[in-house]
PDB file of N, CA and C in Angstrom:
ATOM      1  N   MET A   1      85.414 123.560  14.171  1.00  0.00           N
ATOM      2  CA  MET A   1      85.189 122.131  14.234  1.00  0.00           C
ATOM      3  C   MET A   1      83.804 121.870  14.813  1.00  0.00           C
ATOM      4  N   ILE A   2      83.133 120.872  14.267  1.00  0.00           N
ATOM      5  CA  ILE A   2      81.857 120.444  14.820  1.00  0.00           C
ATOM      6  C   ILE A   2      81.972 118.963  15.189  1.00  0.00           C
ATOM      7  N   GLU A   3      81.102 118.563  16.053  1.00  0.00           N
ATOM      8  CA  GLU A   3      81.054 117.153  16.436  1.00  0.00           C
ATOM      9  C   GLU A   3      80.307 116.370  15.357  1.00  0.00           C
ATOM     10  N   PHE A   4      80.636 115.094  15.220  1.00  0.00           N
ATOM     11  CA  PHE A   4      79.986 114.241  14.224  1.00  0.00           C
ATOM     12  C   PHE A   4      78.475 114.193  14.436  1.00  0.00           C
ATOM     13  N   ASP A   5      78.031 114.209  15.672  1.00  0.00           N
ATOM     14  CA  ASP A   5      76.595 114.194  15.964  1.00  0.00           C
ATOM     15  C   ASP A   5      75.889 115.413  15.366  1.00  0.00           C
ATOM     16  N   GLU A   6      76.569 116.553  15.302  1.00  0.00           N
ATOM     17  CA  GLU A   6      75.995 117.754  14.685  1.00  0.00           C
ATOM     18  C   GLU A   6      75.816 117.544  13.186  1.00  0.00           C
ATOM     19  N   PHE A   7      76.818 116.948  12.544  1.00  0.00           N
ATOM     20  CA  PHE A   7      76.740 116.664  11.112  1.00  0.00           C
ATOM     21  C   PHE A   7      75.551 115.744  10.809  1.00  0.00           C
ATOM     22  N   LEU A   8      75.337 114.762  11.663  1.00  0.00           N
ATOM     23  CA  LEU A   8      74.255 113.797  11.432  1.00  0.00           C
ATOM     24  C   LEU A   8      72.864 114.426  11.480  1.00  0.00           C
ATOM     25  N   LYS A   9      72.754 115.620  12.049  1.00  0.00           N
ATOM     26  CA  LYS A   9      71.466 116.316  12.095  1.00  0.00           C
ATOM     27  C   LYS A   9      71.048 116.857  10.729  1.00  0.00           C
ATOM     28  N   VAL A  10      72.013 117.021   9.825  1.00  0.00           N
ATOM     29  CA  VAL A  10      71.709 117.532   8.493  1.00  0.00           C
ATOM     30  C   VAL A  10      71.213 116.369   7.642  1.00  0.00           C
ATOM     31  N   GLU A  11      69.955 116.458   7.198  1.00  0.00           N
ATOM     32  CA  GLU A  11      69.362 115.403   6.392  1.00  0.00           C
ATOM     33  C   GLU A  11      69.548 115.740   4.912  1.00  0.00           C
ATOM     34  N   MET A  12      70.446 115.015   4.263  1.00  0.00           N
ATOM     35  CA  MET A  12      70.703 115.193   2.833  1.00  0.00           C
ATOM     36  C   MET A  12      70.199 113.964   2.095  1.00  0.00           C
ATOM     37  N   ARG A  13      69.513 114.198   0.983  1.00  0.00           N
ATOM     38  CA  ARG A  13      68.962 113.092   0.207  1.00  0.00           C
ATOM     39  C   ARG A  13      69.159 113.327  -1.290  1.00  0.00           C
ATOM     40  N   VAL A  14      69.070 112.228  -2.029  1.00  0.00           N
ATOM     41  CA  VAL A  14      69.184 112.263  -3.484  1.00  0.00           C
ATOM     42  C   VAL A  14      67.803 112.505  -4.085  1.00  0.00           C
ATOM     43  N   GLY A  15      67.753 113.404  -5.050  1.00  0.00           N
ATOM     44  CA  GLY A  15      66.525 113.659  -5.791  1.00  0.00           C
ATOM     45  C   GLY A  15      66.821 113.776  -7.272  1.00  0.00           C
ATOM     46  N   ARG A  16      65.762 113.794  -8.079  1.00  0.00           N
ATOM     47  CA  ARG A  16      65.905 113.943  -9.528  1.00  0.00           C
ATOM     48  C   ARG A  16      65.119 115.168  -9.965  1.00  0.00           C
ATOM     49  N   ILE A  17      65.767 116.064 -10.697  1.00  0.00           N
ATOM     50  CA  ILE A  17      65.106 117.270 -11.197  1.00  0.00           C
ATOM     51  C   ILE A  17      64.079 116.863 -12.254  1.00  0.00           C
ATOM     52  N   VAL A  18      62.829 117.275 -12.035  1.00  0.00           N
ATOM     53  CA  VAL A  18      61.762 116.964 -12.988  1.00  0.00           C
ATOM     54  C   VAL A  18      61.301 118.207 -13.756  1.00  0.00           C
ATOM     55  N   ALA A  19      61.668 119.392 -13.274  1.00  0.00           N
ATOM     56  CA  ALA A  19      61.347 120.636 -13.991  1.00  0.00           C
ATOM     57  C   ALA A  19      62.347 121.711 -13.586  1.00  0.00           C
ATOM     58  N   ALA A  20      62.713 122.536 -14.555  1.00  0.00           N
ATOM     59  CA  ALA A  20      63.621 123.665 -14.321  1.00  0.00           C
ATOM     60  C   ALA A  20      63.039 124.860 -15.069  1.00  0.00           C
ATOM     61  N   ASP A  21      62.489 125.801 -14.319  1.00  0.00           N
ATOM     62  CA  ASP A  21      61.783 126.932 -14.913  1.00  0.00           C
ATOM     63  C   ASP A  21      62.537 128.233 -14.667  1.00  0.00           C
ATOM     64  N   PRO A  22      62.353 129.210 -15.539  1.00  0.00           N
ATOM     65  CA  PRO A  22      63.003 130.511 -15.331  1.00  0.00           C
ATOM     66  C   PRO A  22      62.509 131.168 -14.050  1.00  0.00           C
ATOM     67  N   PHE A  23      63.353 131.993 -13.471  1.00  0.00           N
ATOM     68  CA  PHE A  23      63.003 132.702 -12.229  1.00  0.00           C
ATOM     69  C   PHE A  23      63.471 134.156 -12.353  1.00  0.00           C
ATOM     70  N   PRO A  24      62.827 134.929 -13.246  1.00  0.00           N
ATOM     71  CA  PRO A  24      63.279 136.305 -13.497  1.00  0.00           C
ATOM     72  C   PRO A  24      63.086 137.238 -12.301  1.00  0.00           C
ATOM     73  N   GLU A  25      62.222 136.880 -11.348  1.00  0.00           N
ATOM     74  CA  GLU A  25      61.979 137.741 -10.185  1.00  0.00           C
ATOM     75  C   GLU A  25      63.140 137.721  -9.183  1.00  0.00           C
ATOM     76  N   ALA A  26      63.988 136.715  -9.241  1.00  0.00           N
ATOM     77  CA  ALA A  26      65.104 136.597  -8.297  1.00  0.00           C
ATOM     78  C   ALA A  26      66.109 137.724  -8.513  1.00  0.00           C
ATOM     79  N   ARG A  27      66.709 138.184  -7.423  1.00  0.00           N
ATOM     80  CA  ARG A  27      67.697 139.262  -7.486  1.00  0.00           C
ATOM     81  C   ARG A  27      68.912 138.838  -8.304  1.00  0.00           C
ATOM     82  N   LYS A  28      69.387 137.599  -8.088  1.00  0.00           N
ATOM     83  CA  LYS A  28      70.505 137.047  -8.861  1.00  0.00           C
ATOM     84  C   LYS A  28      69.924 136.008  -9.822  1.00  0.00           C
ATOM     85  N   PRO A  29      70.483 135.901 -11.028  1.00  0.00           N
ATOM     86  CA  PRO A  29      69.940 134.949 -12.001  1.00  0.00           C
ATOM     87  C   PRO A  29      69.811 133.540 -11.405  1.00  0.00           C
ATOM     88  N   SER A  30      68.603 133.004 -11.440  1.00  0.00           N
ATOM     89  CA  SER A  30      68.307 131.725 -10.801  1.00  0.00           C
ATOM     90  C   SER A  30      67.307 130.921 -11.611  1.00  0.00           C
ATOM     91  N   VAL A  31      67.130 129.685 -11.180  1.00  0.00           N
ATOM     92  CA  VAL A  31      66.198 128.753 -11.797  1.00  0.00           C
ATOM     93  C   VAL A  31      65.322 128.175 -10.695  1.00  0.00           C
ATOM     94  N   LYS A  32      64.025 128.001 -10.987  1.00  0.00           N
ATOM     95  CA  LYS A  32      63.127 127.290 -10.070  1.00  0.00           C
ATOM     96  C   LYS A  32      63.191 125.806 -10.426  1.00  0.00           C
ATOM     97  N   LEU A  33      63.482 124.978  -9.438  1.00  0.00           N
ATOM     98  CA  LEU A  33      63.584 123.537  -9.656  1.00  0.00           C
ATOM     99  C   LEU A  33      62.459 122.808  -8.944  1.00  0.00           C
ATOM    100  N   ARG A  34      61.921 121.792  -9.604  1.00  0.00           N
ATOM    101  CA  ARG A  34      61.017 120.845  -8.959  1.00  0.00           C
ATOM    102  C   ARG A  34      61.773 119.525  -8.940  1.00  0.00           C
ATOM    103  N   ILE A  35      61.913 118.946  -7.740  1.00  0.00           N
ATOM    104  CA  ILE A  35      62.780 117.785  -7.551  1.00  0.00           C
ATOM    105  C   ILE A  35      61.972 116.650  -6.928  1.00  0.00           C
ATOM    106  N   ASP A  36      62.101 115.467  -7.518  1.00  0.00           N
ATOM    107  CA  ASP A  36      61.413 114.276  -7.013  1.00  0.00           C
ATOM    108  C   ASP A  36      62.367 113.505  -6.099  1.00  0.00           C
ATOM    109  N   PHE A  37      61.936 113.305  -4.848  1.00  0.00           N
ATOM    110  CA  PHE A  37      62.737 112.569  -3.869  1.00  0.00           C
ATOM    111  C   PHE A  37      62.161 111.177  -3.606  1.00  0.00           C
ATOM    112  N   GLY A  38      61.421 110.637  -4.555  1.00  0.00           N
ATOM    113  CA  GLY A  38      60.903 109.281  -4.442  1.00  0.00           C
ATOM    114  C   GLY A  38      59.540 109.228  -3.784  1.00  0.00           C
ATOM    115  N   PRO A  39      58.921 108.034  -3.796  1.00  0.00           N
ATOM    116  CA  PRO A  39      57.535 107.903  -3.337  1.00  0.00           C
ATOM    117  C   PRO A  39      57.326 108.192  -1.851  1.00  0.00           C
ATOM    118  N   ASP A  40      58.320 107.972  -1.016  1.00  0.00           N
ATOM    119  CA  ASP A  40      58.146 108.208   0.420  1.00  0.00           C
ATOM    120  C   ASP A  40      58.167 109.694   0.778  1.00  0.00           C
ATOM    121  N   ILE A  41      58.846 110.502  -0.025  1.00  0.00           N
ATOM    122  CA  ILE A  41      58.994 111.933   0.274  1.00  0.00           C
ATOM    123  C   ILE A  41      58.208 112.788  -0.705  1.00  0.00           C
ATOM    124  N   GLY A  42      58.255 112.446  -1.969  1.00  0.00           N
ATOM    125  CA  GLY A  42      57.549 113.211  -2.992  1.00  0.00           C
ATOM    126  C   GLY A  42      58.394 114.337  -3.555  1.00  0.00           C
ATOM    127  N   GLU A  43      57.727 115.309  -4.144  1.00  0.00           N
ATOM    128  CA  GLU A  43      58.409 116.421  -4.796  1.00  0.00           C
ATOM    129  C   GLU A  43      58.559 117.607  -3.858  1.00  0.00           C
ATOM    130  N   ARG A  44      59.658 118.315  -4.039  1.00  0.00           N
ATOM    131  CA  ARG A  44      59.930 119.560  -3.326  1.00  0.00           C
ATOM    132  C   ARG A  44      60.432 120.557  -4.364  1.00  0.00           C
ATOM    133  N   VAL A  45      60.353 121.858  -4.019  1.00  0.00           N
ATOM    134  CA  VAL A  45      60.829 122.902  -4.924  1.00  0.00           C
ATOM    135  C   VAL A  45      61.989 123.655  -4.291  1.00  0.00           C
ATOM    136  N   SER A  46      62.814 124.208  -5.170  1.00  0.00           N
ATOM    137  CA  SER A  46      63.971 124.967  -4.722  1.00  0.00           C
ATOM    138  C   SER A  46      64.325 125.991  -5.787  1.00  0.00           C
ATOM    139  N   SER A  47      64.993 127.047  -5.388  1.00  0.00           N
ATOM    140  CA  SER A  47      65.579 127.952  -6.370  1.00  0.00           C
ATOM    141  C   SER A  47      67.090 127.802  -6.251  1.00  0.00           C
ATOM    142  N   ALA A  48      67.761 127.924  -7.376  1.00  0.00           N
ATOM    143  CA  ALA A  48      69.212 127.730  -7.377  1.00  0.00           C
ATOM    144  C   ALA A  48      69.848 128.636  -8.420  1.00  0.00           C
ATOM    145  N   GLN A  49      71.004 129.172  -8.086  1.00  0.00           N
ATOM    146  CA  GLN A  49      71.748 130.050  -8.982  1.00  0.00           C
ATOM    147  C   GLN A  49      72.620 129.190  -9.901  1.00  0.00           C
ATOM    148  N   LEU A  50      71.990 128.623 -10.915  1.00  0.00           N
ATOM    149  CA  LEU A  50      72.661 127.669 -11.798  1.00  0.00           C
ATOM    150  C   LEU A  50      72.856 128.179 -13.212  1.00  0.00           C
ATOM    151  N   THR A  51      72.477 129.418 -13.487  1.00  0.00           N
ATOM    152  CA  THR A  51      72.444 129.902 -14.870  1.00  0.00           C
ATOM    153  C   THR A  51      73.834 130.046 -15.493  1.00  0.00           C
ATOM    154  N   VAL A  52      74.877 130.240 -14.688  1.00  0.00           N
ATOM    155  CA  VAL A  52      76.232 130.362 -15.245  1.00  0.00           C
ATOM    156  C   VAL A  52      76.726 129.004 -15.729  1.00  0.00           C
ATOM    157  N   THR A  53      76.633 127.995 -14.888  1.00  0.00           N
ATOM    158  CA  THR A  53      77.156 126.668 -15.213  1.00  0.00           C
ATOM    159  C   THR A  53      76.213 125.880 -16.118  1.00  0.00           C
ATOM    160  N   TYR A  54      74.923 126.107 -15.969  1.00  0.00           N
ATOM    161  CA  TYR A  54      73.908 125.367 -16.736  1.00  0.00           C
ATOM    162  C   TYR A  54      73.006 126.359 -17.468  1.00  0.00           C
ATOM    163  N   PRO A  55      73.508 127.015 -18.528  1.00  0.00           N
ATOM    164  CA  PRO A  55      72.694 128.037 -19.215  1.00  0.00           C
ATOM    165  C   PRO A  55      71.461 127.457 -19.907  1.00  0.00           C
ATOM    166  N   ASP A  56      71.495 126.173 -20.265  1.00  0.00           N
ATOM    167  CA  ASP A  56      70.348 125.517 -20.882  1.00  0.00           C
ATOM    168  C   ASP A  56      69.572 124.790 -19.787  1.00  0.00           C
ATOM    169  N   ARG A  57      68.481 125.400 -19.311  1.00  0.00           N
ATOM    170  CA  ARG A  57      67.691 124.815 -18.219  1.00  0.00           C
ATOM    171  C   ARG A  57      67.230 123.397 -18.520  1.00  0.00           C
ATOM    172  N   SER A  58      66.916 123.120 -19.775  1.00  0.00           N
ATOM    173  CA  SER A  58      66.407 121.793 -20.124  1.00  0.00           C
ATOM    174  C   SER A  58      67.436 120.699 -19.850  1.00  0.00           C
ATOM    175  N   ALA A  59      68.722 121.037 -19.841  1.00  0.00           N
ATOM    176  CA  ALA A  59      69.770 120.049 -19.550  1.00  0.00           C
ATOM    177  C   ALA A  59      69.757 119.629 -18.079  1.00  0.00           C
ATOM    178  N   LEU A  60      69.092 120.397 -17.228  1.00  0.00           N
ATOM    179  CA  LEU A  60      69.002 120.053 -15.806  1.00  0.00           C
ATOM    180  C   LEU A  60      67.963 118.954 -15.552  1.00  0.00           C
ATOM    181  N   VAL A  61      66.945 118.907 -16.378  1.00  0.00           N
ATOM    182  CA  VAL A  61      65.851 117.940 -16.188  1.00  0.00           C
ATOM    183  C   VAL A  61      66.397 116.521 -16.362  1.00  0.00           C
ATOM    184  N   GLY A  62      66.100 115.688 -15.366  1.00  0.00           N
ATOM    185  CA  GLY A  62      66.565 114.310 -15.371  1.00  0.00           C
ATOM    186  C   GLY A  62      67.831 114.084 -14.568  1.00  0.00           C
ATOM    187  N   ARG A  63      68.524 115.148 -14.200  1.00  0.00           N
ATOM    188  CA  ARG A  63      69.756 115.016 -13.413  1.00  0.00           C
ATOM    189  C   ARG A  63      69.445 114.688 -11.962  1.00  0.00           C
ATOM    190  N   GLN A  64      70.259 113.842 -11.378  1.00  0.00           N
ATOM    191  CA  GLN A  64      70.156 113.618  -9.939  1.00  0.00           C
ATOM    192  C   GLN A  64      70.971 114.682  -9.215  1.00  0.00           C
ATOM    193  N   VAL A  65      70.468 115.081  -8.040  1.00  0.00           N
ATOM    194  CA  VAL A  65      71.129 116.087  -7.212  1.00  0.00           C
ATOM    195  C   VAL A  65      71.079 115.643  -5.764  1.00  0.00           C
ATOM    196  N   VAL A  66      71.869 116.321  -4.943  1.00  0.00           N
ATOM    197  CA  VAL A  66      71.838 116.123  -3.497  1.00  0.00           C
ATOM    198  C   VAL A  66      71.303 117.405  -2.886  1.00  0.00           C
ATOM    199  N   ALA A  67      70.369 117.260  -1.938  1.00  0.00           N
ATOM    200  CA  ALA A  67      69.759 118.440  -1.318  1.00  0.00           C
ATOM    201  C   ALA A  67      69.613 118.241   0.182  1.00  0.00           C
ATOM    202  N   VAL A  68      69.694 119.354   0.909  1.00  0.00           N
ATOM    203  CA  VAL A  68      69.419 119.361   2.349  1.00  0.00           C
ATOM    204  C   VAL A  68      67.913 119.497   2.508  1.00  0.00           C
ATOM    205  N   MET A  69      67.334 118.567   3.247  1.00  0.00           N
ATOM    206  CA  MET A  69      65.881 118.488   3.380  1.00  0.00           C
ATOM    207  C   MET A  69      65.342 119.193   4.617  1.00  0.00           C
ATOM    208  N   ASN A  70      66.148 119.350   5.663  1.00  0.00           N
ATOM    209  CA  ASN A  70      65.601 119.793   6.945  1.00  0.00           C
ATOM    210  C   ASN A  70      66.022 121.198   7.366  1.00  0.00           C
ATOM    211  N   PHE A  71      66.330 122.075   6.400  1.00  0.00           N
ATOM    212  CA  PHE A  71      66.433 123.496   6.705  1.00  0.00           C
ATOM    213  C   PHE A  71      65.022 124.077   6.615  1.00  0.00           C
ATOM    214  N   ALA A  72      64.776 125.134   7.350  1.00  0.00           N
ATOM    215  CA  ALA A  72      63.478 125.813   7.247  1.00  0.00           C
ATOM    216  C   ALA A  72      63.330 126.383   5.839  1.00  0.00           C
ATOM    217  N   PRO A  73      62.119 126.355   5.265  1.00  0.00           N
ATOM    218  CA  PRO A  73      61.905 126.952   3.936  1.00  0.00           C
ATOM    219  C   PRO A  73      62.283 128.435   3.944  1.00  0.00           C
ATOM    220  N   ARG A  74      62.734 128.928   2.777  1.00  0.00           N
ATOM    221  CA  ARG A  74      63.100 130.333   2.628  1.00  0.00           C
ATOM    222  C   ARG A  74      62.275 130.942   1.513  1.00  0.00           C
ATOM    223  N   ARG A  75      61.864 132.186   1.715  1.00  0.00           N
ATOM    224  CA  ARG A  75      61.156 132.943   0.677  1.00  0.00           C
ATOM    225  C   ARG A  75      62.192 133.696  -0.144  1.00  0.00           C
ATOM    226  N   ILE A  76      62.168 133.478  -1.439  1.00  0.00           N
ATOM    227  CA  ILE A  76      63.080 134.161  -2.345  1.00  0.00           C
ATOM    228  C   ILE A  76      62.225 134.784  -3.440  1.00  0.00           C
ATOM    229  N   ALA A  77      62.138 136.092  -3.424  1.00  0.00           N
ATOM    230  CA  ALA A  77      61.323 136.836  -4.395  1.00  0.00           C
ATOM    231  C   ALA A  77      59.905 136.268  -4.475  1.00  0.00           C
ATOM    232  N   GLY A  78      59.314 135.985  -3.303  1.00  0.00           N
ATOM    233  CA  GLY A  78      57.955 135.485  -3.230  1.00  0.00           C
ATOM    234  C   GLY A  78      57.816 133.991  -3.475  1.00  0.00           C
ATOM    235  N   PHE A  79      58.905 133.304  -3.757  1.00  0.00           N
ATOM    236  CA  PHE A  79      58.896 131.862  -4.035  1.00  0.00           C
ATOM    237  C   PHE A  79      59.381 131.118  -2.795  1.00  0.00           C
ATOM    238  N   LYS A  80      58.645 130.077  -2.381  1.00  0.00           N
ATOM    239  CA  LYS A  80      59.004 129.300  -1.200  1.00  0.00           C
ATOM    240  C   LYS A  80      59.941 128.167  -1.599  1.00  0.00           C
ATOM    241  N   SER A  81      61.219 128.316  -1.267  1.00  0.00           N
ATOM    242  CA  SER A  81      62.225 127.301  -1.553  1.00  0.00           C
ATOM    243  C   SER A  81      62.249 126.323  -0.379  1.00  0.00           C
ATOM    244  N   GLU A  82      61.945 125.047  -0.652  1.00  0.00           N
ATOM    245  CA  GLU A  82      61.761 124.055   0.408  1.00  0.00           C
ATOM    246  C   GLU A  82      63.015 123.254   0.751  1.00  0.00           C
ATOM    247  N   VAL A  83      63.956 123.128  -0.197  1.00  0.00           N
ATOM    248  CA  VAL A  83      65.186 122.372   0.040  1.00  0.00           C
ATOM    249  C   VAL A  83      66.363 123.174  -0.493  1.00  0.00           C
ATOM    250  N   LEU A  84      67.556 122.855   0.002  1.00  0.00           N
ATOM    251  CA  LEU A  84      68.786 123.491  -0.473  1.00  0.00           C
ATOM    252  C   LEU A  84      69.546 122.495  -1.328  1.00  0.00           C
ATOM    253  N   VAL A  85      69.631 122.774  -2.627  1.00  0.00           N
ATOM    254  CA  VAL A  85      70.388 121.927  -3.543  1.00  0.00           C
ATOM    255  C   VAL A  85      71.864 122.235  -3.352  1.00  0.00           C
ATOM    256  N   LEU A  86      72.679 121.183  -3.235  1.00  0.00           N
ATOM    257  CA  LEU A  86      74.100 121.366  -2.944  1.00  0.00           C
ATOM    258  C   LEU A  86      74.942 121.370  -4.210  1.00  0.00           C
ATOM    259  N   GLY A  87      75.964 122.233  -4.206  1.00  0.00           N
ATOM    260  CA  GLY A  87      76.886 122.316  -5.328  1.00  0.00           C
ATOM    261  C   GLY A  87      78.193 122.921  -4.898  1.00  0.00           C
ATOM    262  N   ALA A  88      79.217 122.663  -5.685  1.00  0.00           N
ATOM    263  CA  ALA A  88      80.530 123.276  -5.477  1.00  0.00           C
ATOM    264  C   ALA A  88      80.486 124.681  -6.062  1.00  0.00           C
ATOM    265  N   MET A  89      81.044 125.643  -5.319  1.00  0.00           N
ATOM    266  CA  MET A  89      80.971 127.045  -5.715  1.00  0.00           C
ATOM    267  C   MET A  89      82.246 127.453  -6.459  1.00  0.00           C
ATOM    268  N   GLY A  90      82.103 127.815  -7.738  1.00  0.00           N
ATOM    269  CA  GLY A  90      83.237 128.248  -8.542  1.00  0.00           C
ATOM    270  C   GLY A  90      83.541 129.725  -8.353  1.00  0.00           C
ATOM    271  N   ASP A  91      84.706 130.133  -8.788  1.00  0.00           N
ATOM    272  CA  ASP A  91      85.155 131.522  -8.629  1.00  0.00           C
ATOM    273  C   ASP A  91      84.329 132.522  -9.440  1.00  0.00           C
ATOM    274  N   ALA A  92      83.887 132.139 -10.617  1.00  0.00           N
ATOM    275  CA  ALA A  92      83.188 133.067 -11.513  1.00  0.00           C
ATOM    276  C   ALA A  92      81.668 132.971 -11.377  1.00  0.00           C
ATOM    277  N   GLY A  93      81.178 132.536 -10.223  1.00  0.00           N
ATOM    278  CA  GLY A  93      79.742 132.459 -10.010  1.00  0.00           C
ATOM    279  C   GLY A  93      79.115 131.150 -10.445  1.00  0.00           C
ATOM    280  N   GLY A  94      79.928 130.228 -10.913  1.00  0.00           N
ATOM    281  CA  GLY A  94      79.402 128.932 -11.327  1.00  0.00           C
ATOM    282  C   GLY A  94      79.120 128.046 -10.128  1.00  0.00           C
ATOM    283  N   VAL A  95      78.040 127.289 -10.211  1.00  0.00           N
ATOM    284  CA  VAL A  95      77.688 126.297  -9.197  1.00  0.00           C
ATOM    285  C   VAL A  95      77.659 124.946  -9.902  1.00  0.00           C
ATOM    286  N   PHE A  96      78.427 123.987  -9.387  1.00  0.00           N
ATOM    287  CA  PHE A  96      78.549 122.667  -9.983  1.00  0.00           C
ATOM    288  C   PHE A  96      77.810 121.676  -9.092  1.00  0.00           C
ATOM    289  N   LEU A  97      76.686 121.167  -9.582  1.00  0.00           N
ATOM    290  CA  LEU A  97      75.799 120.325  -8.784  1.00  0.00           C
ATOM    291  C   LEU A  97      76.494 119.060  -8.289  1.00  0.00           C
ATOM    292  N   LEU A  98      76.189 118.688  -7.041  1.00  0.00           N
ATOM    293  CA  LEU A  98      76.656 117.415  -6.501  1.00  0.00           C
ATOM    294  C   LEU A  98      75.699 116.331  -6.968  1.00  0.00           C
ATOM    295  N   THR A  99      76.253 115.260  -7.489  1.00  0.00           N
ATOM    296  CA  THR A  99      75.471 114.185  -8.081  1.00  0.00           C
ATOM    297  C   THR A  99      76.047 112.842  -7.652  1.00  0.00           C
ATOM    298  N   PRO A 100      75.195 111.876  -7.269  1.00  0.00           N
ATOM    299  CA  PRO A 100      75.724 110.557  -6.926  1.00  0.00           C
ATOM    300  C   PRO A 100      76.290 109.865  -8.160  1.00  0.00           C
ATOM    301  N   ASP A 101      77.321 109.072  -7.955  1.00  0.00           N
ATOM    302  CA  ASP A 101      77.940 108.337  -9.049  1.00  0.00           C
ATOM    303  C   ASP A 101      78.283 106.939  -8.569  1.00  0.00           C
ATOM    304  N   PRO A 102      77.673 105.925  -9.157  1.00  0.00           N
ATOM    305  CA  PRO A 102      76.668 105.953 -10.219  1.00  0.00           C
ATOM    306  C   PRO A 102      75.314 106.404  -9.684  1.00  0.00           C
ATOM    307  N   PRO A 103      74.361 106.626 -10.590  1.00  0.00           N
ATOM    308  CA  PRO A 103      73.015 107.014 -10.130  1.00  0.00           C
ATOM    309  C   PRO A 103      72.439 105.991  -9.152  1.00  0.00           C
ATOM    310  N   CYS A 104      71.547 106.473  -8.296  1.00  0.00           N
ATOM    311  CA  CYS A 104      70.926 105.597  -7.299  1.00  0.00           C
ATOM    312  C   CYS A 104      69.448 105.969  -7.164  1.00  0.00           C
ATOM    313  N   ALA A 105      68.758 105.291  -6.280  1.00  0.00           N
ATOM    314  CA  ALA A 105      67.329 105.541  -6.078  1.00  0.00           C
ATOM    315  C   ALA A 105      67.095 106.919  -5.458  1.00  0.00           C
ATOM    316  N   GLU A 106      66.059 107.609  -5.925  1.00  0.00           N
ATOM    317  CA  GLU A 106      65.686 108.881  -5.335  1.00  0.00           C
ATOM    318  C   GLU A 106      65.239 108.650  -3.891  1.00  0.00           C
ATOM    319  N   GLY A 107      65.609 109.586  -3.019  1.00  0.00           N
ATOM    320  CA  GLY A 107      65.226 109.501  -1.623  1.00  0.00           C
ATOM    321  C   GLY A 107      66.307 108.922  -0.715  1.00  0.00           C
ATOM    322  N   LEU A 108      67.346 108.310  -1.314  1.00  0.00           N
ATOM    323  CA  LEU A 108      68.401 107.758  -0.465  1.00  0.00           C
ATOM    324  C   LEU A 108      69.065 108.859   0.348  1.00  0.00           C
ATOM    325  N   ARG A 109      69.359 108.555   1.597  1.00  0.00           N
ATOM    326  CA  ARG A 109      69.986 109.522   2.488  1.00  0.00           C
ATOM    327  C   ARG A 109      71.490 109.529   2.286  1.00  0.00           C
ATOM    328  N   ILE A 110      72.066 110.712   2.341  1.00  0.00           N
ATOM    329  CA  ILE A 110      73.515 110.879   2.263  1.00  0.00           C
ATOM    330  C   ILE A 110      74.065 110.819   3.672  1.00  0.00           C
ATOM    331  N   GLY A 111      75.141 110.093   3.859  1.00  0.00           N
ATOM    332  CA  GLY A 111      75.704 109.988   5.212  1.00  0.00           C
ATOM    333  C   GLY A 111      77.157 109.639   5.198  1.00  0.00           C
TER     334      GLY A 111
END
């Protein structure tokens, strides 16, 4: 159990995927994402293991996602991942992206 104040320290925001590129250098099949979090925050990059659930990378472009903004960046196969994109983890390696419904403005905080 954690206290609610601990949860509030995690900064999650809505962004829109503007590019999804192959990432063959990653140990596990992954995609490099460029995500727009609106004019106040701008774009950030992330890598995500989405190839099982989303085999067509182009289908990711334009989708809204939820990401954790305030984790320290991580180096993954020489790539600096700046945010953690959130998804539900399936049994067979599938990751199902969390998306606001209905769509909303990029940059909105999740709380």
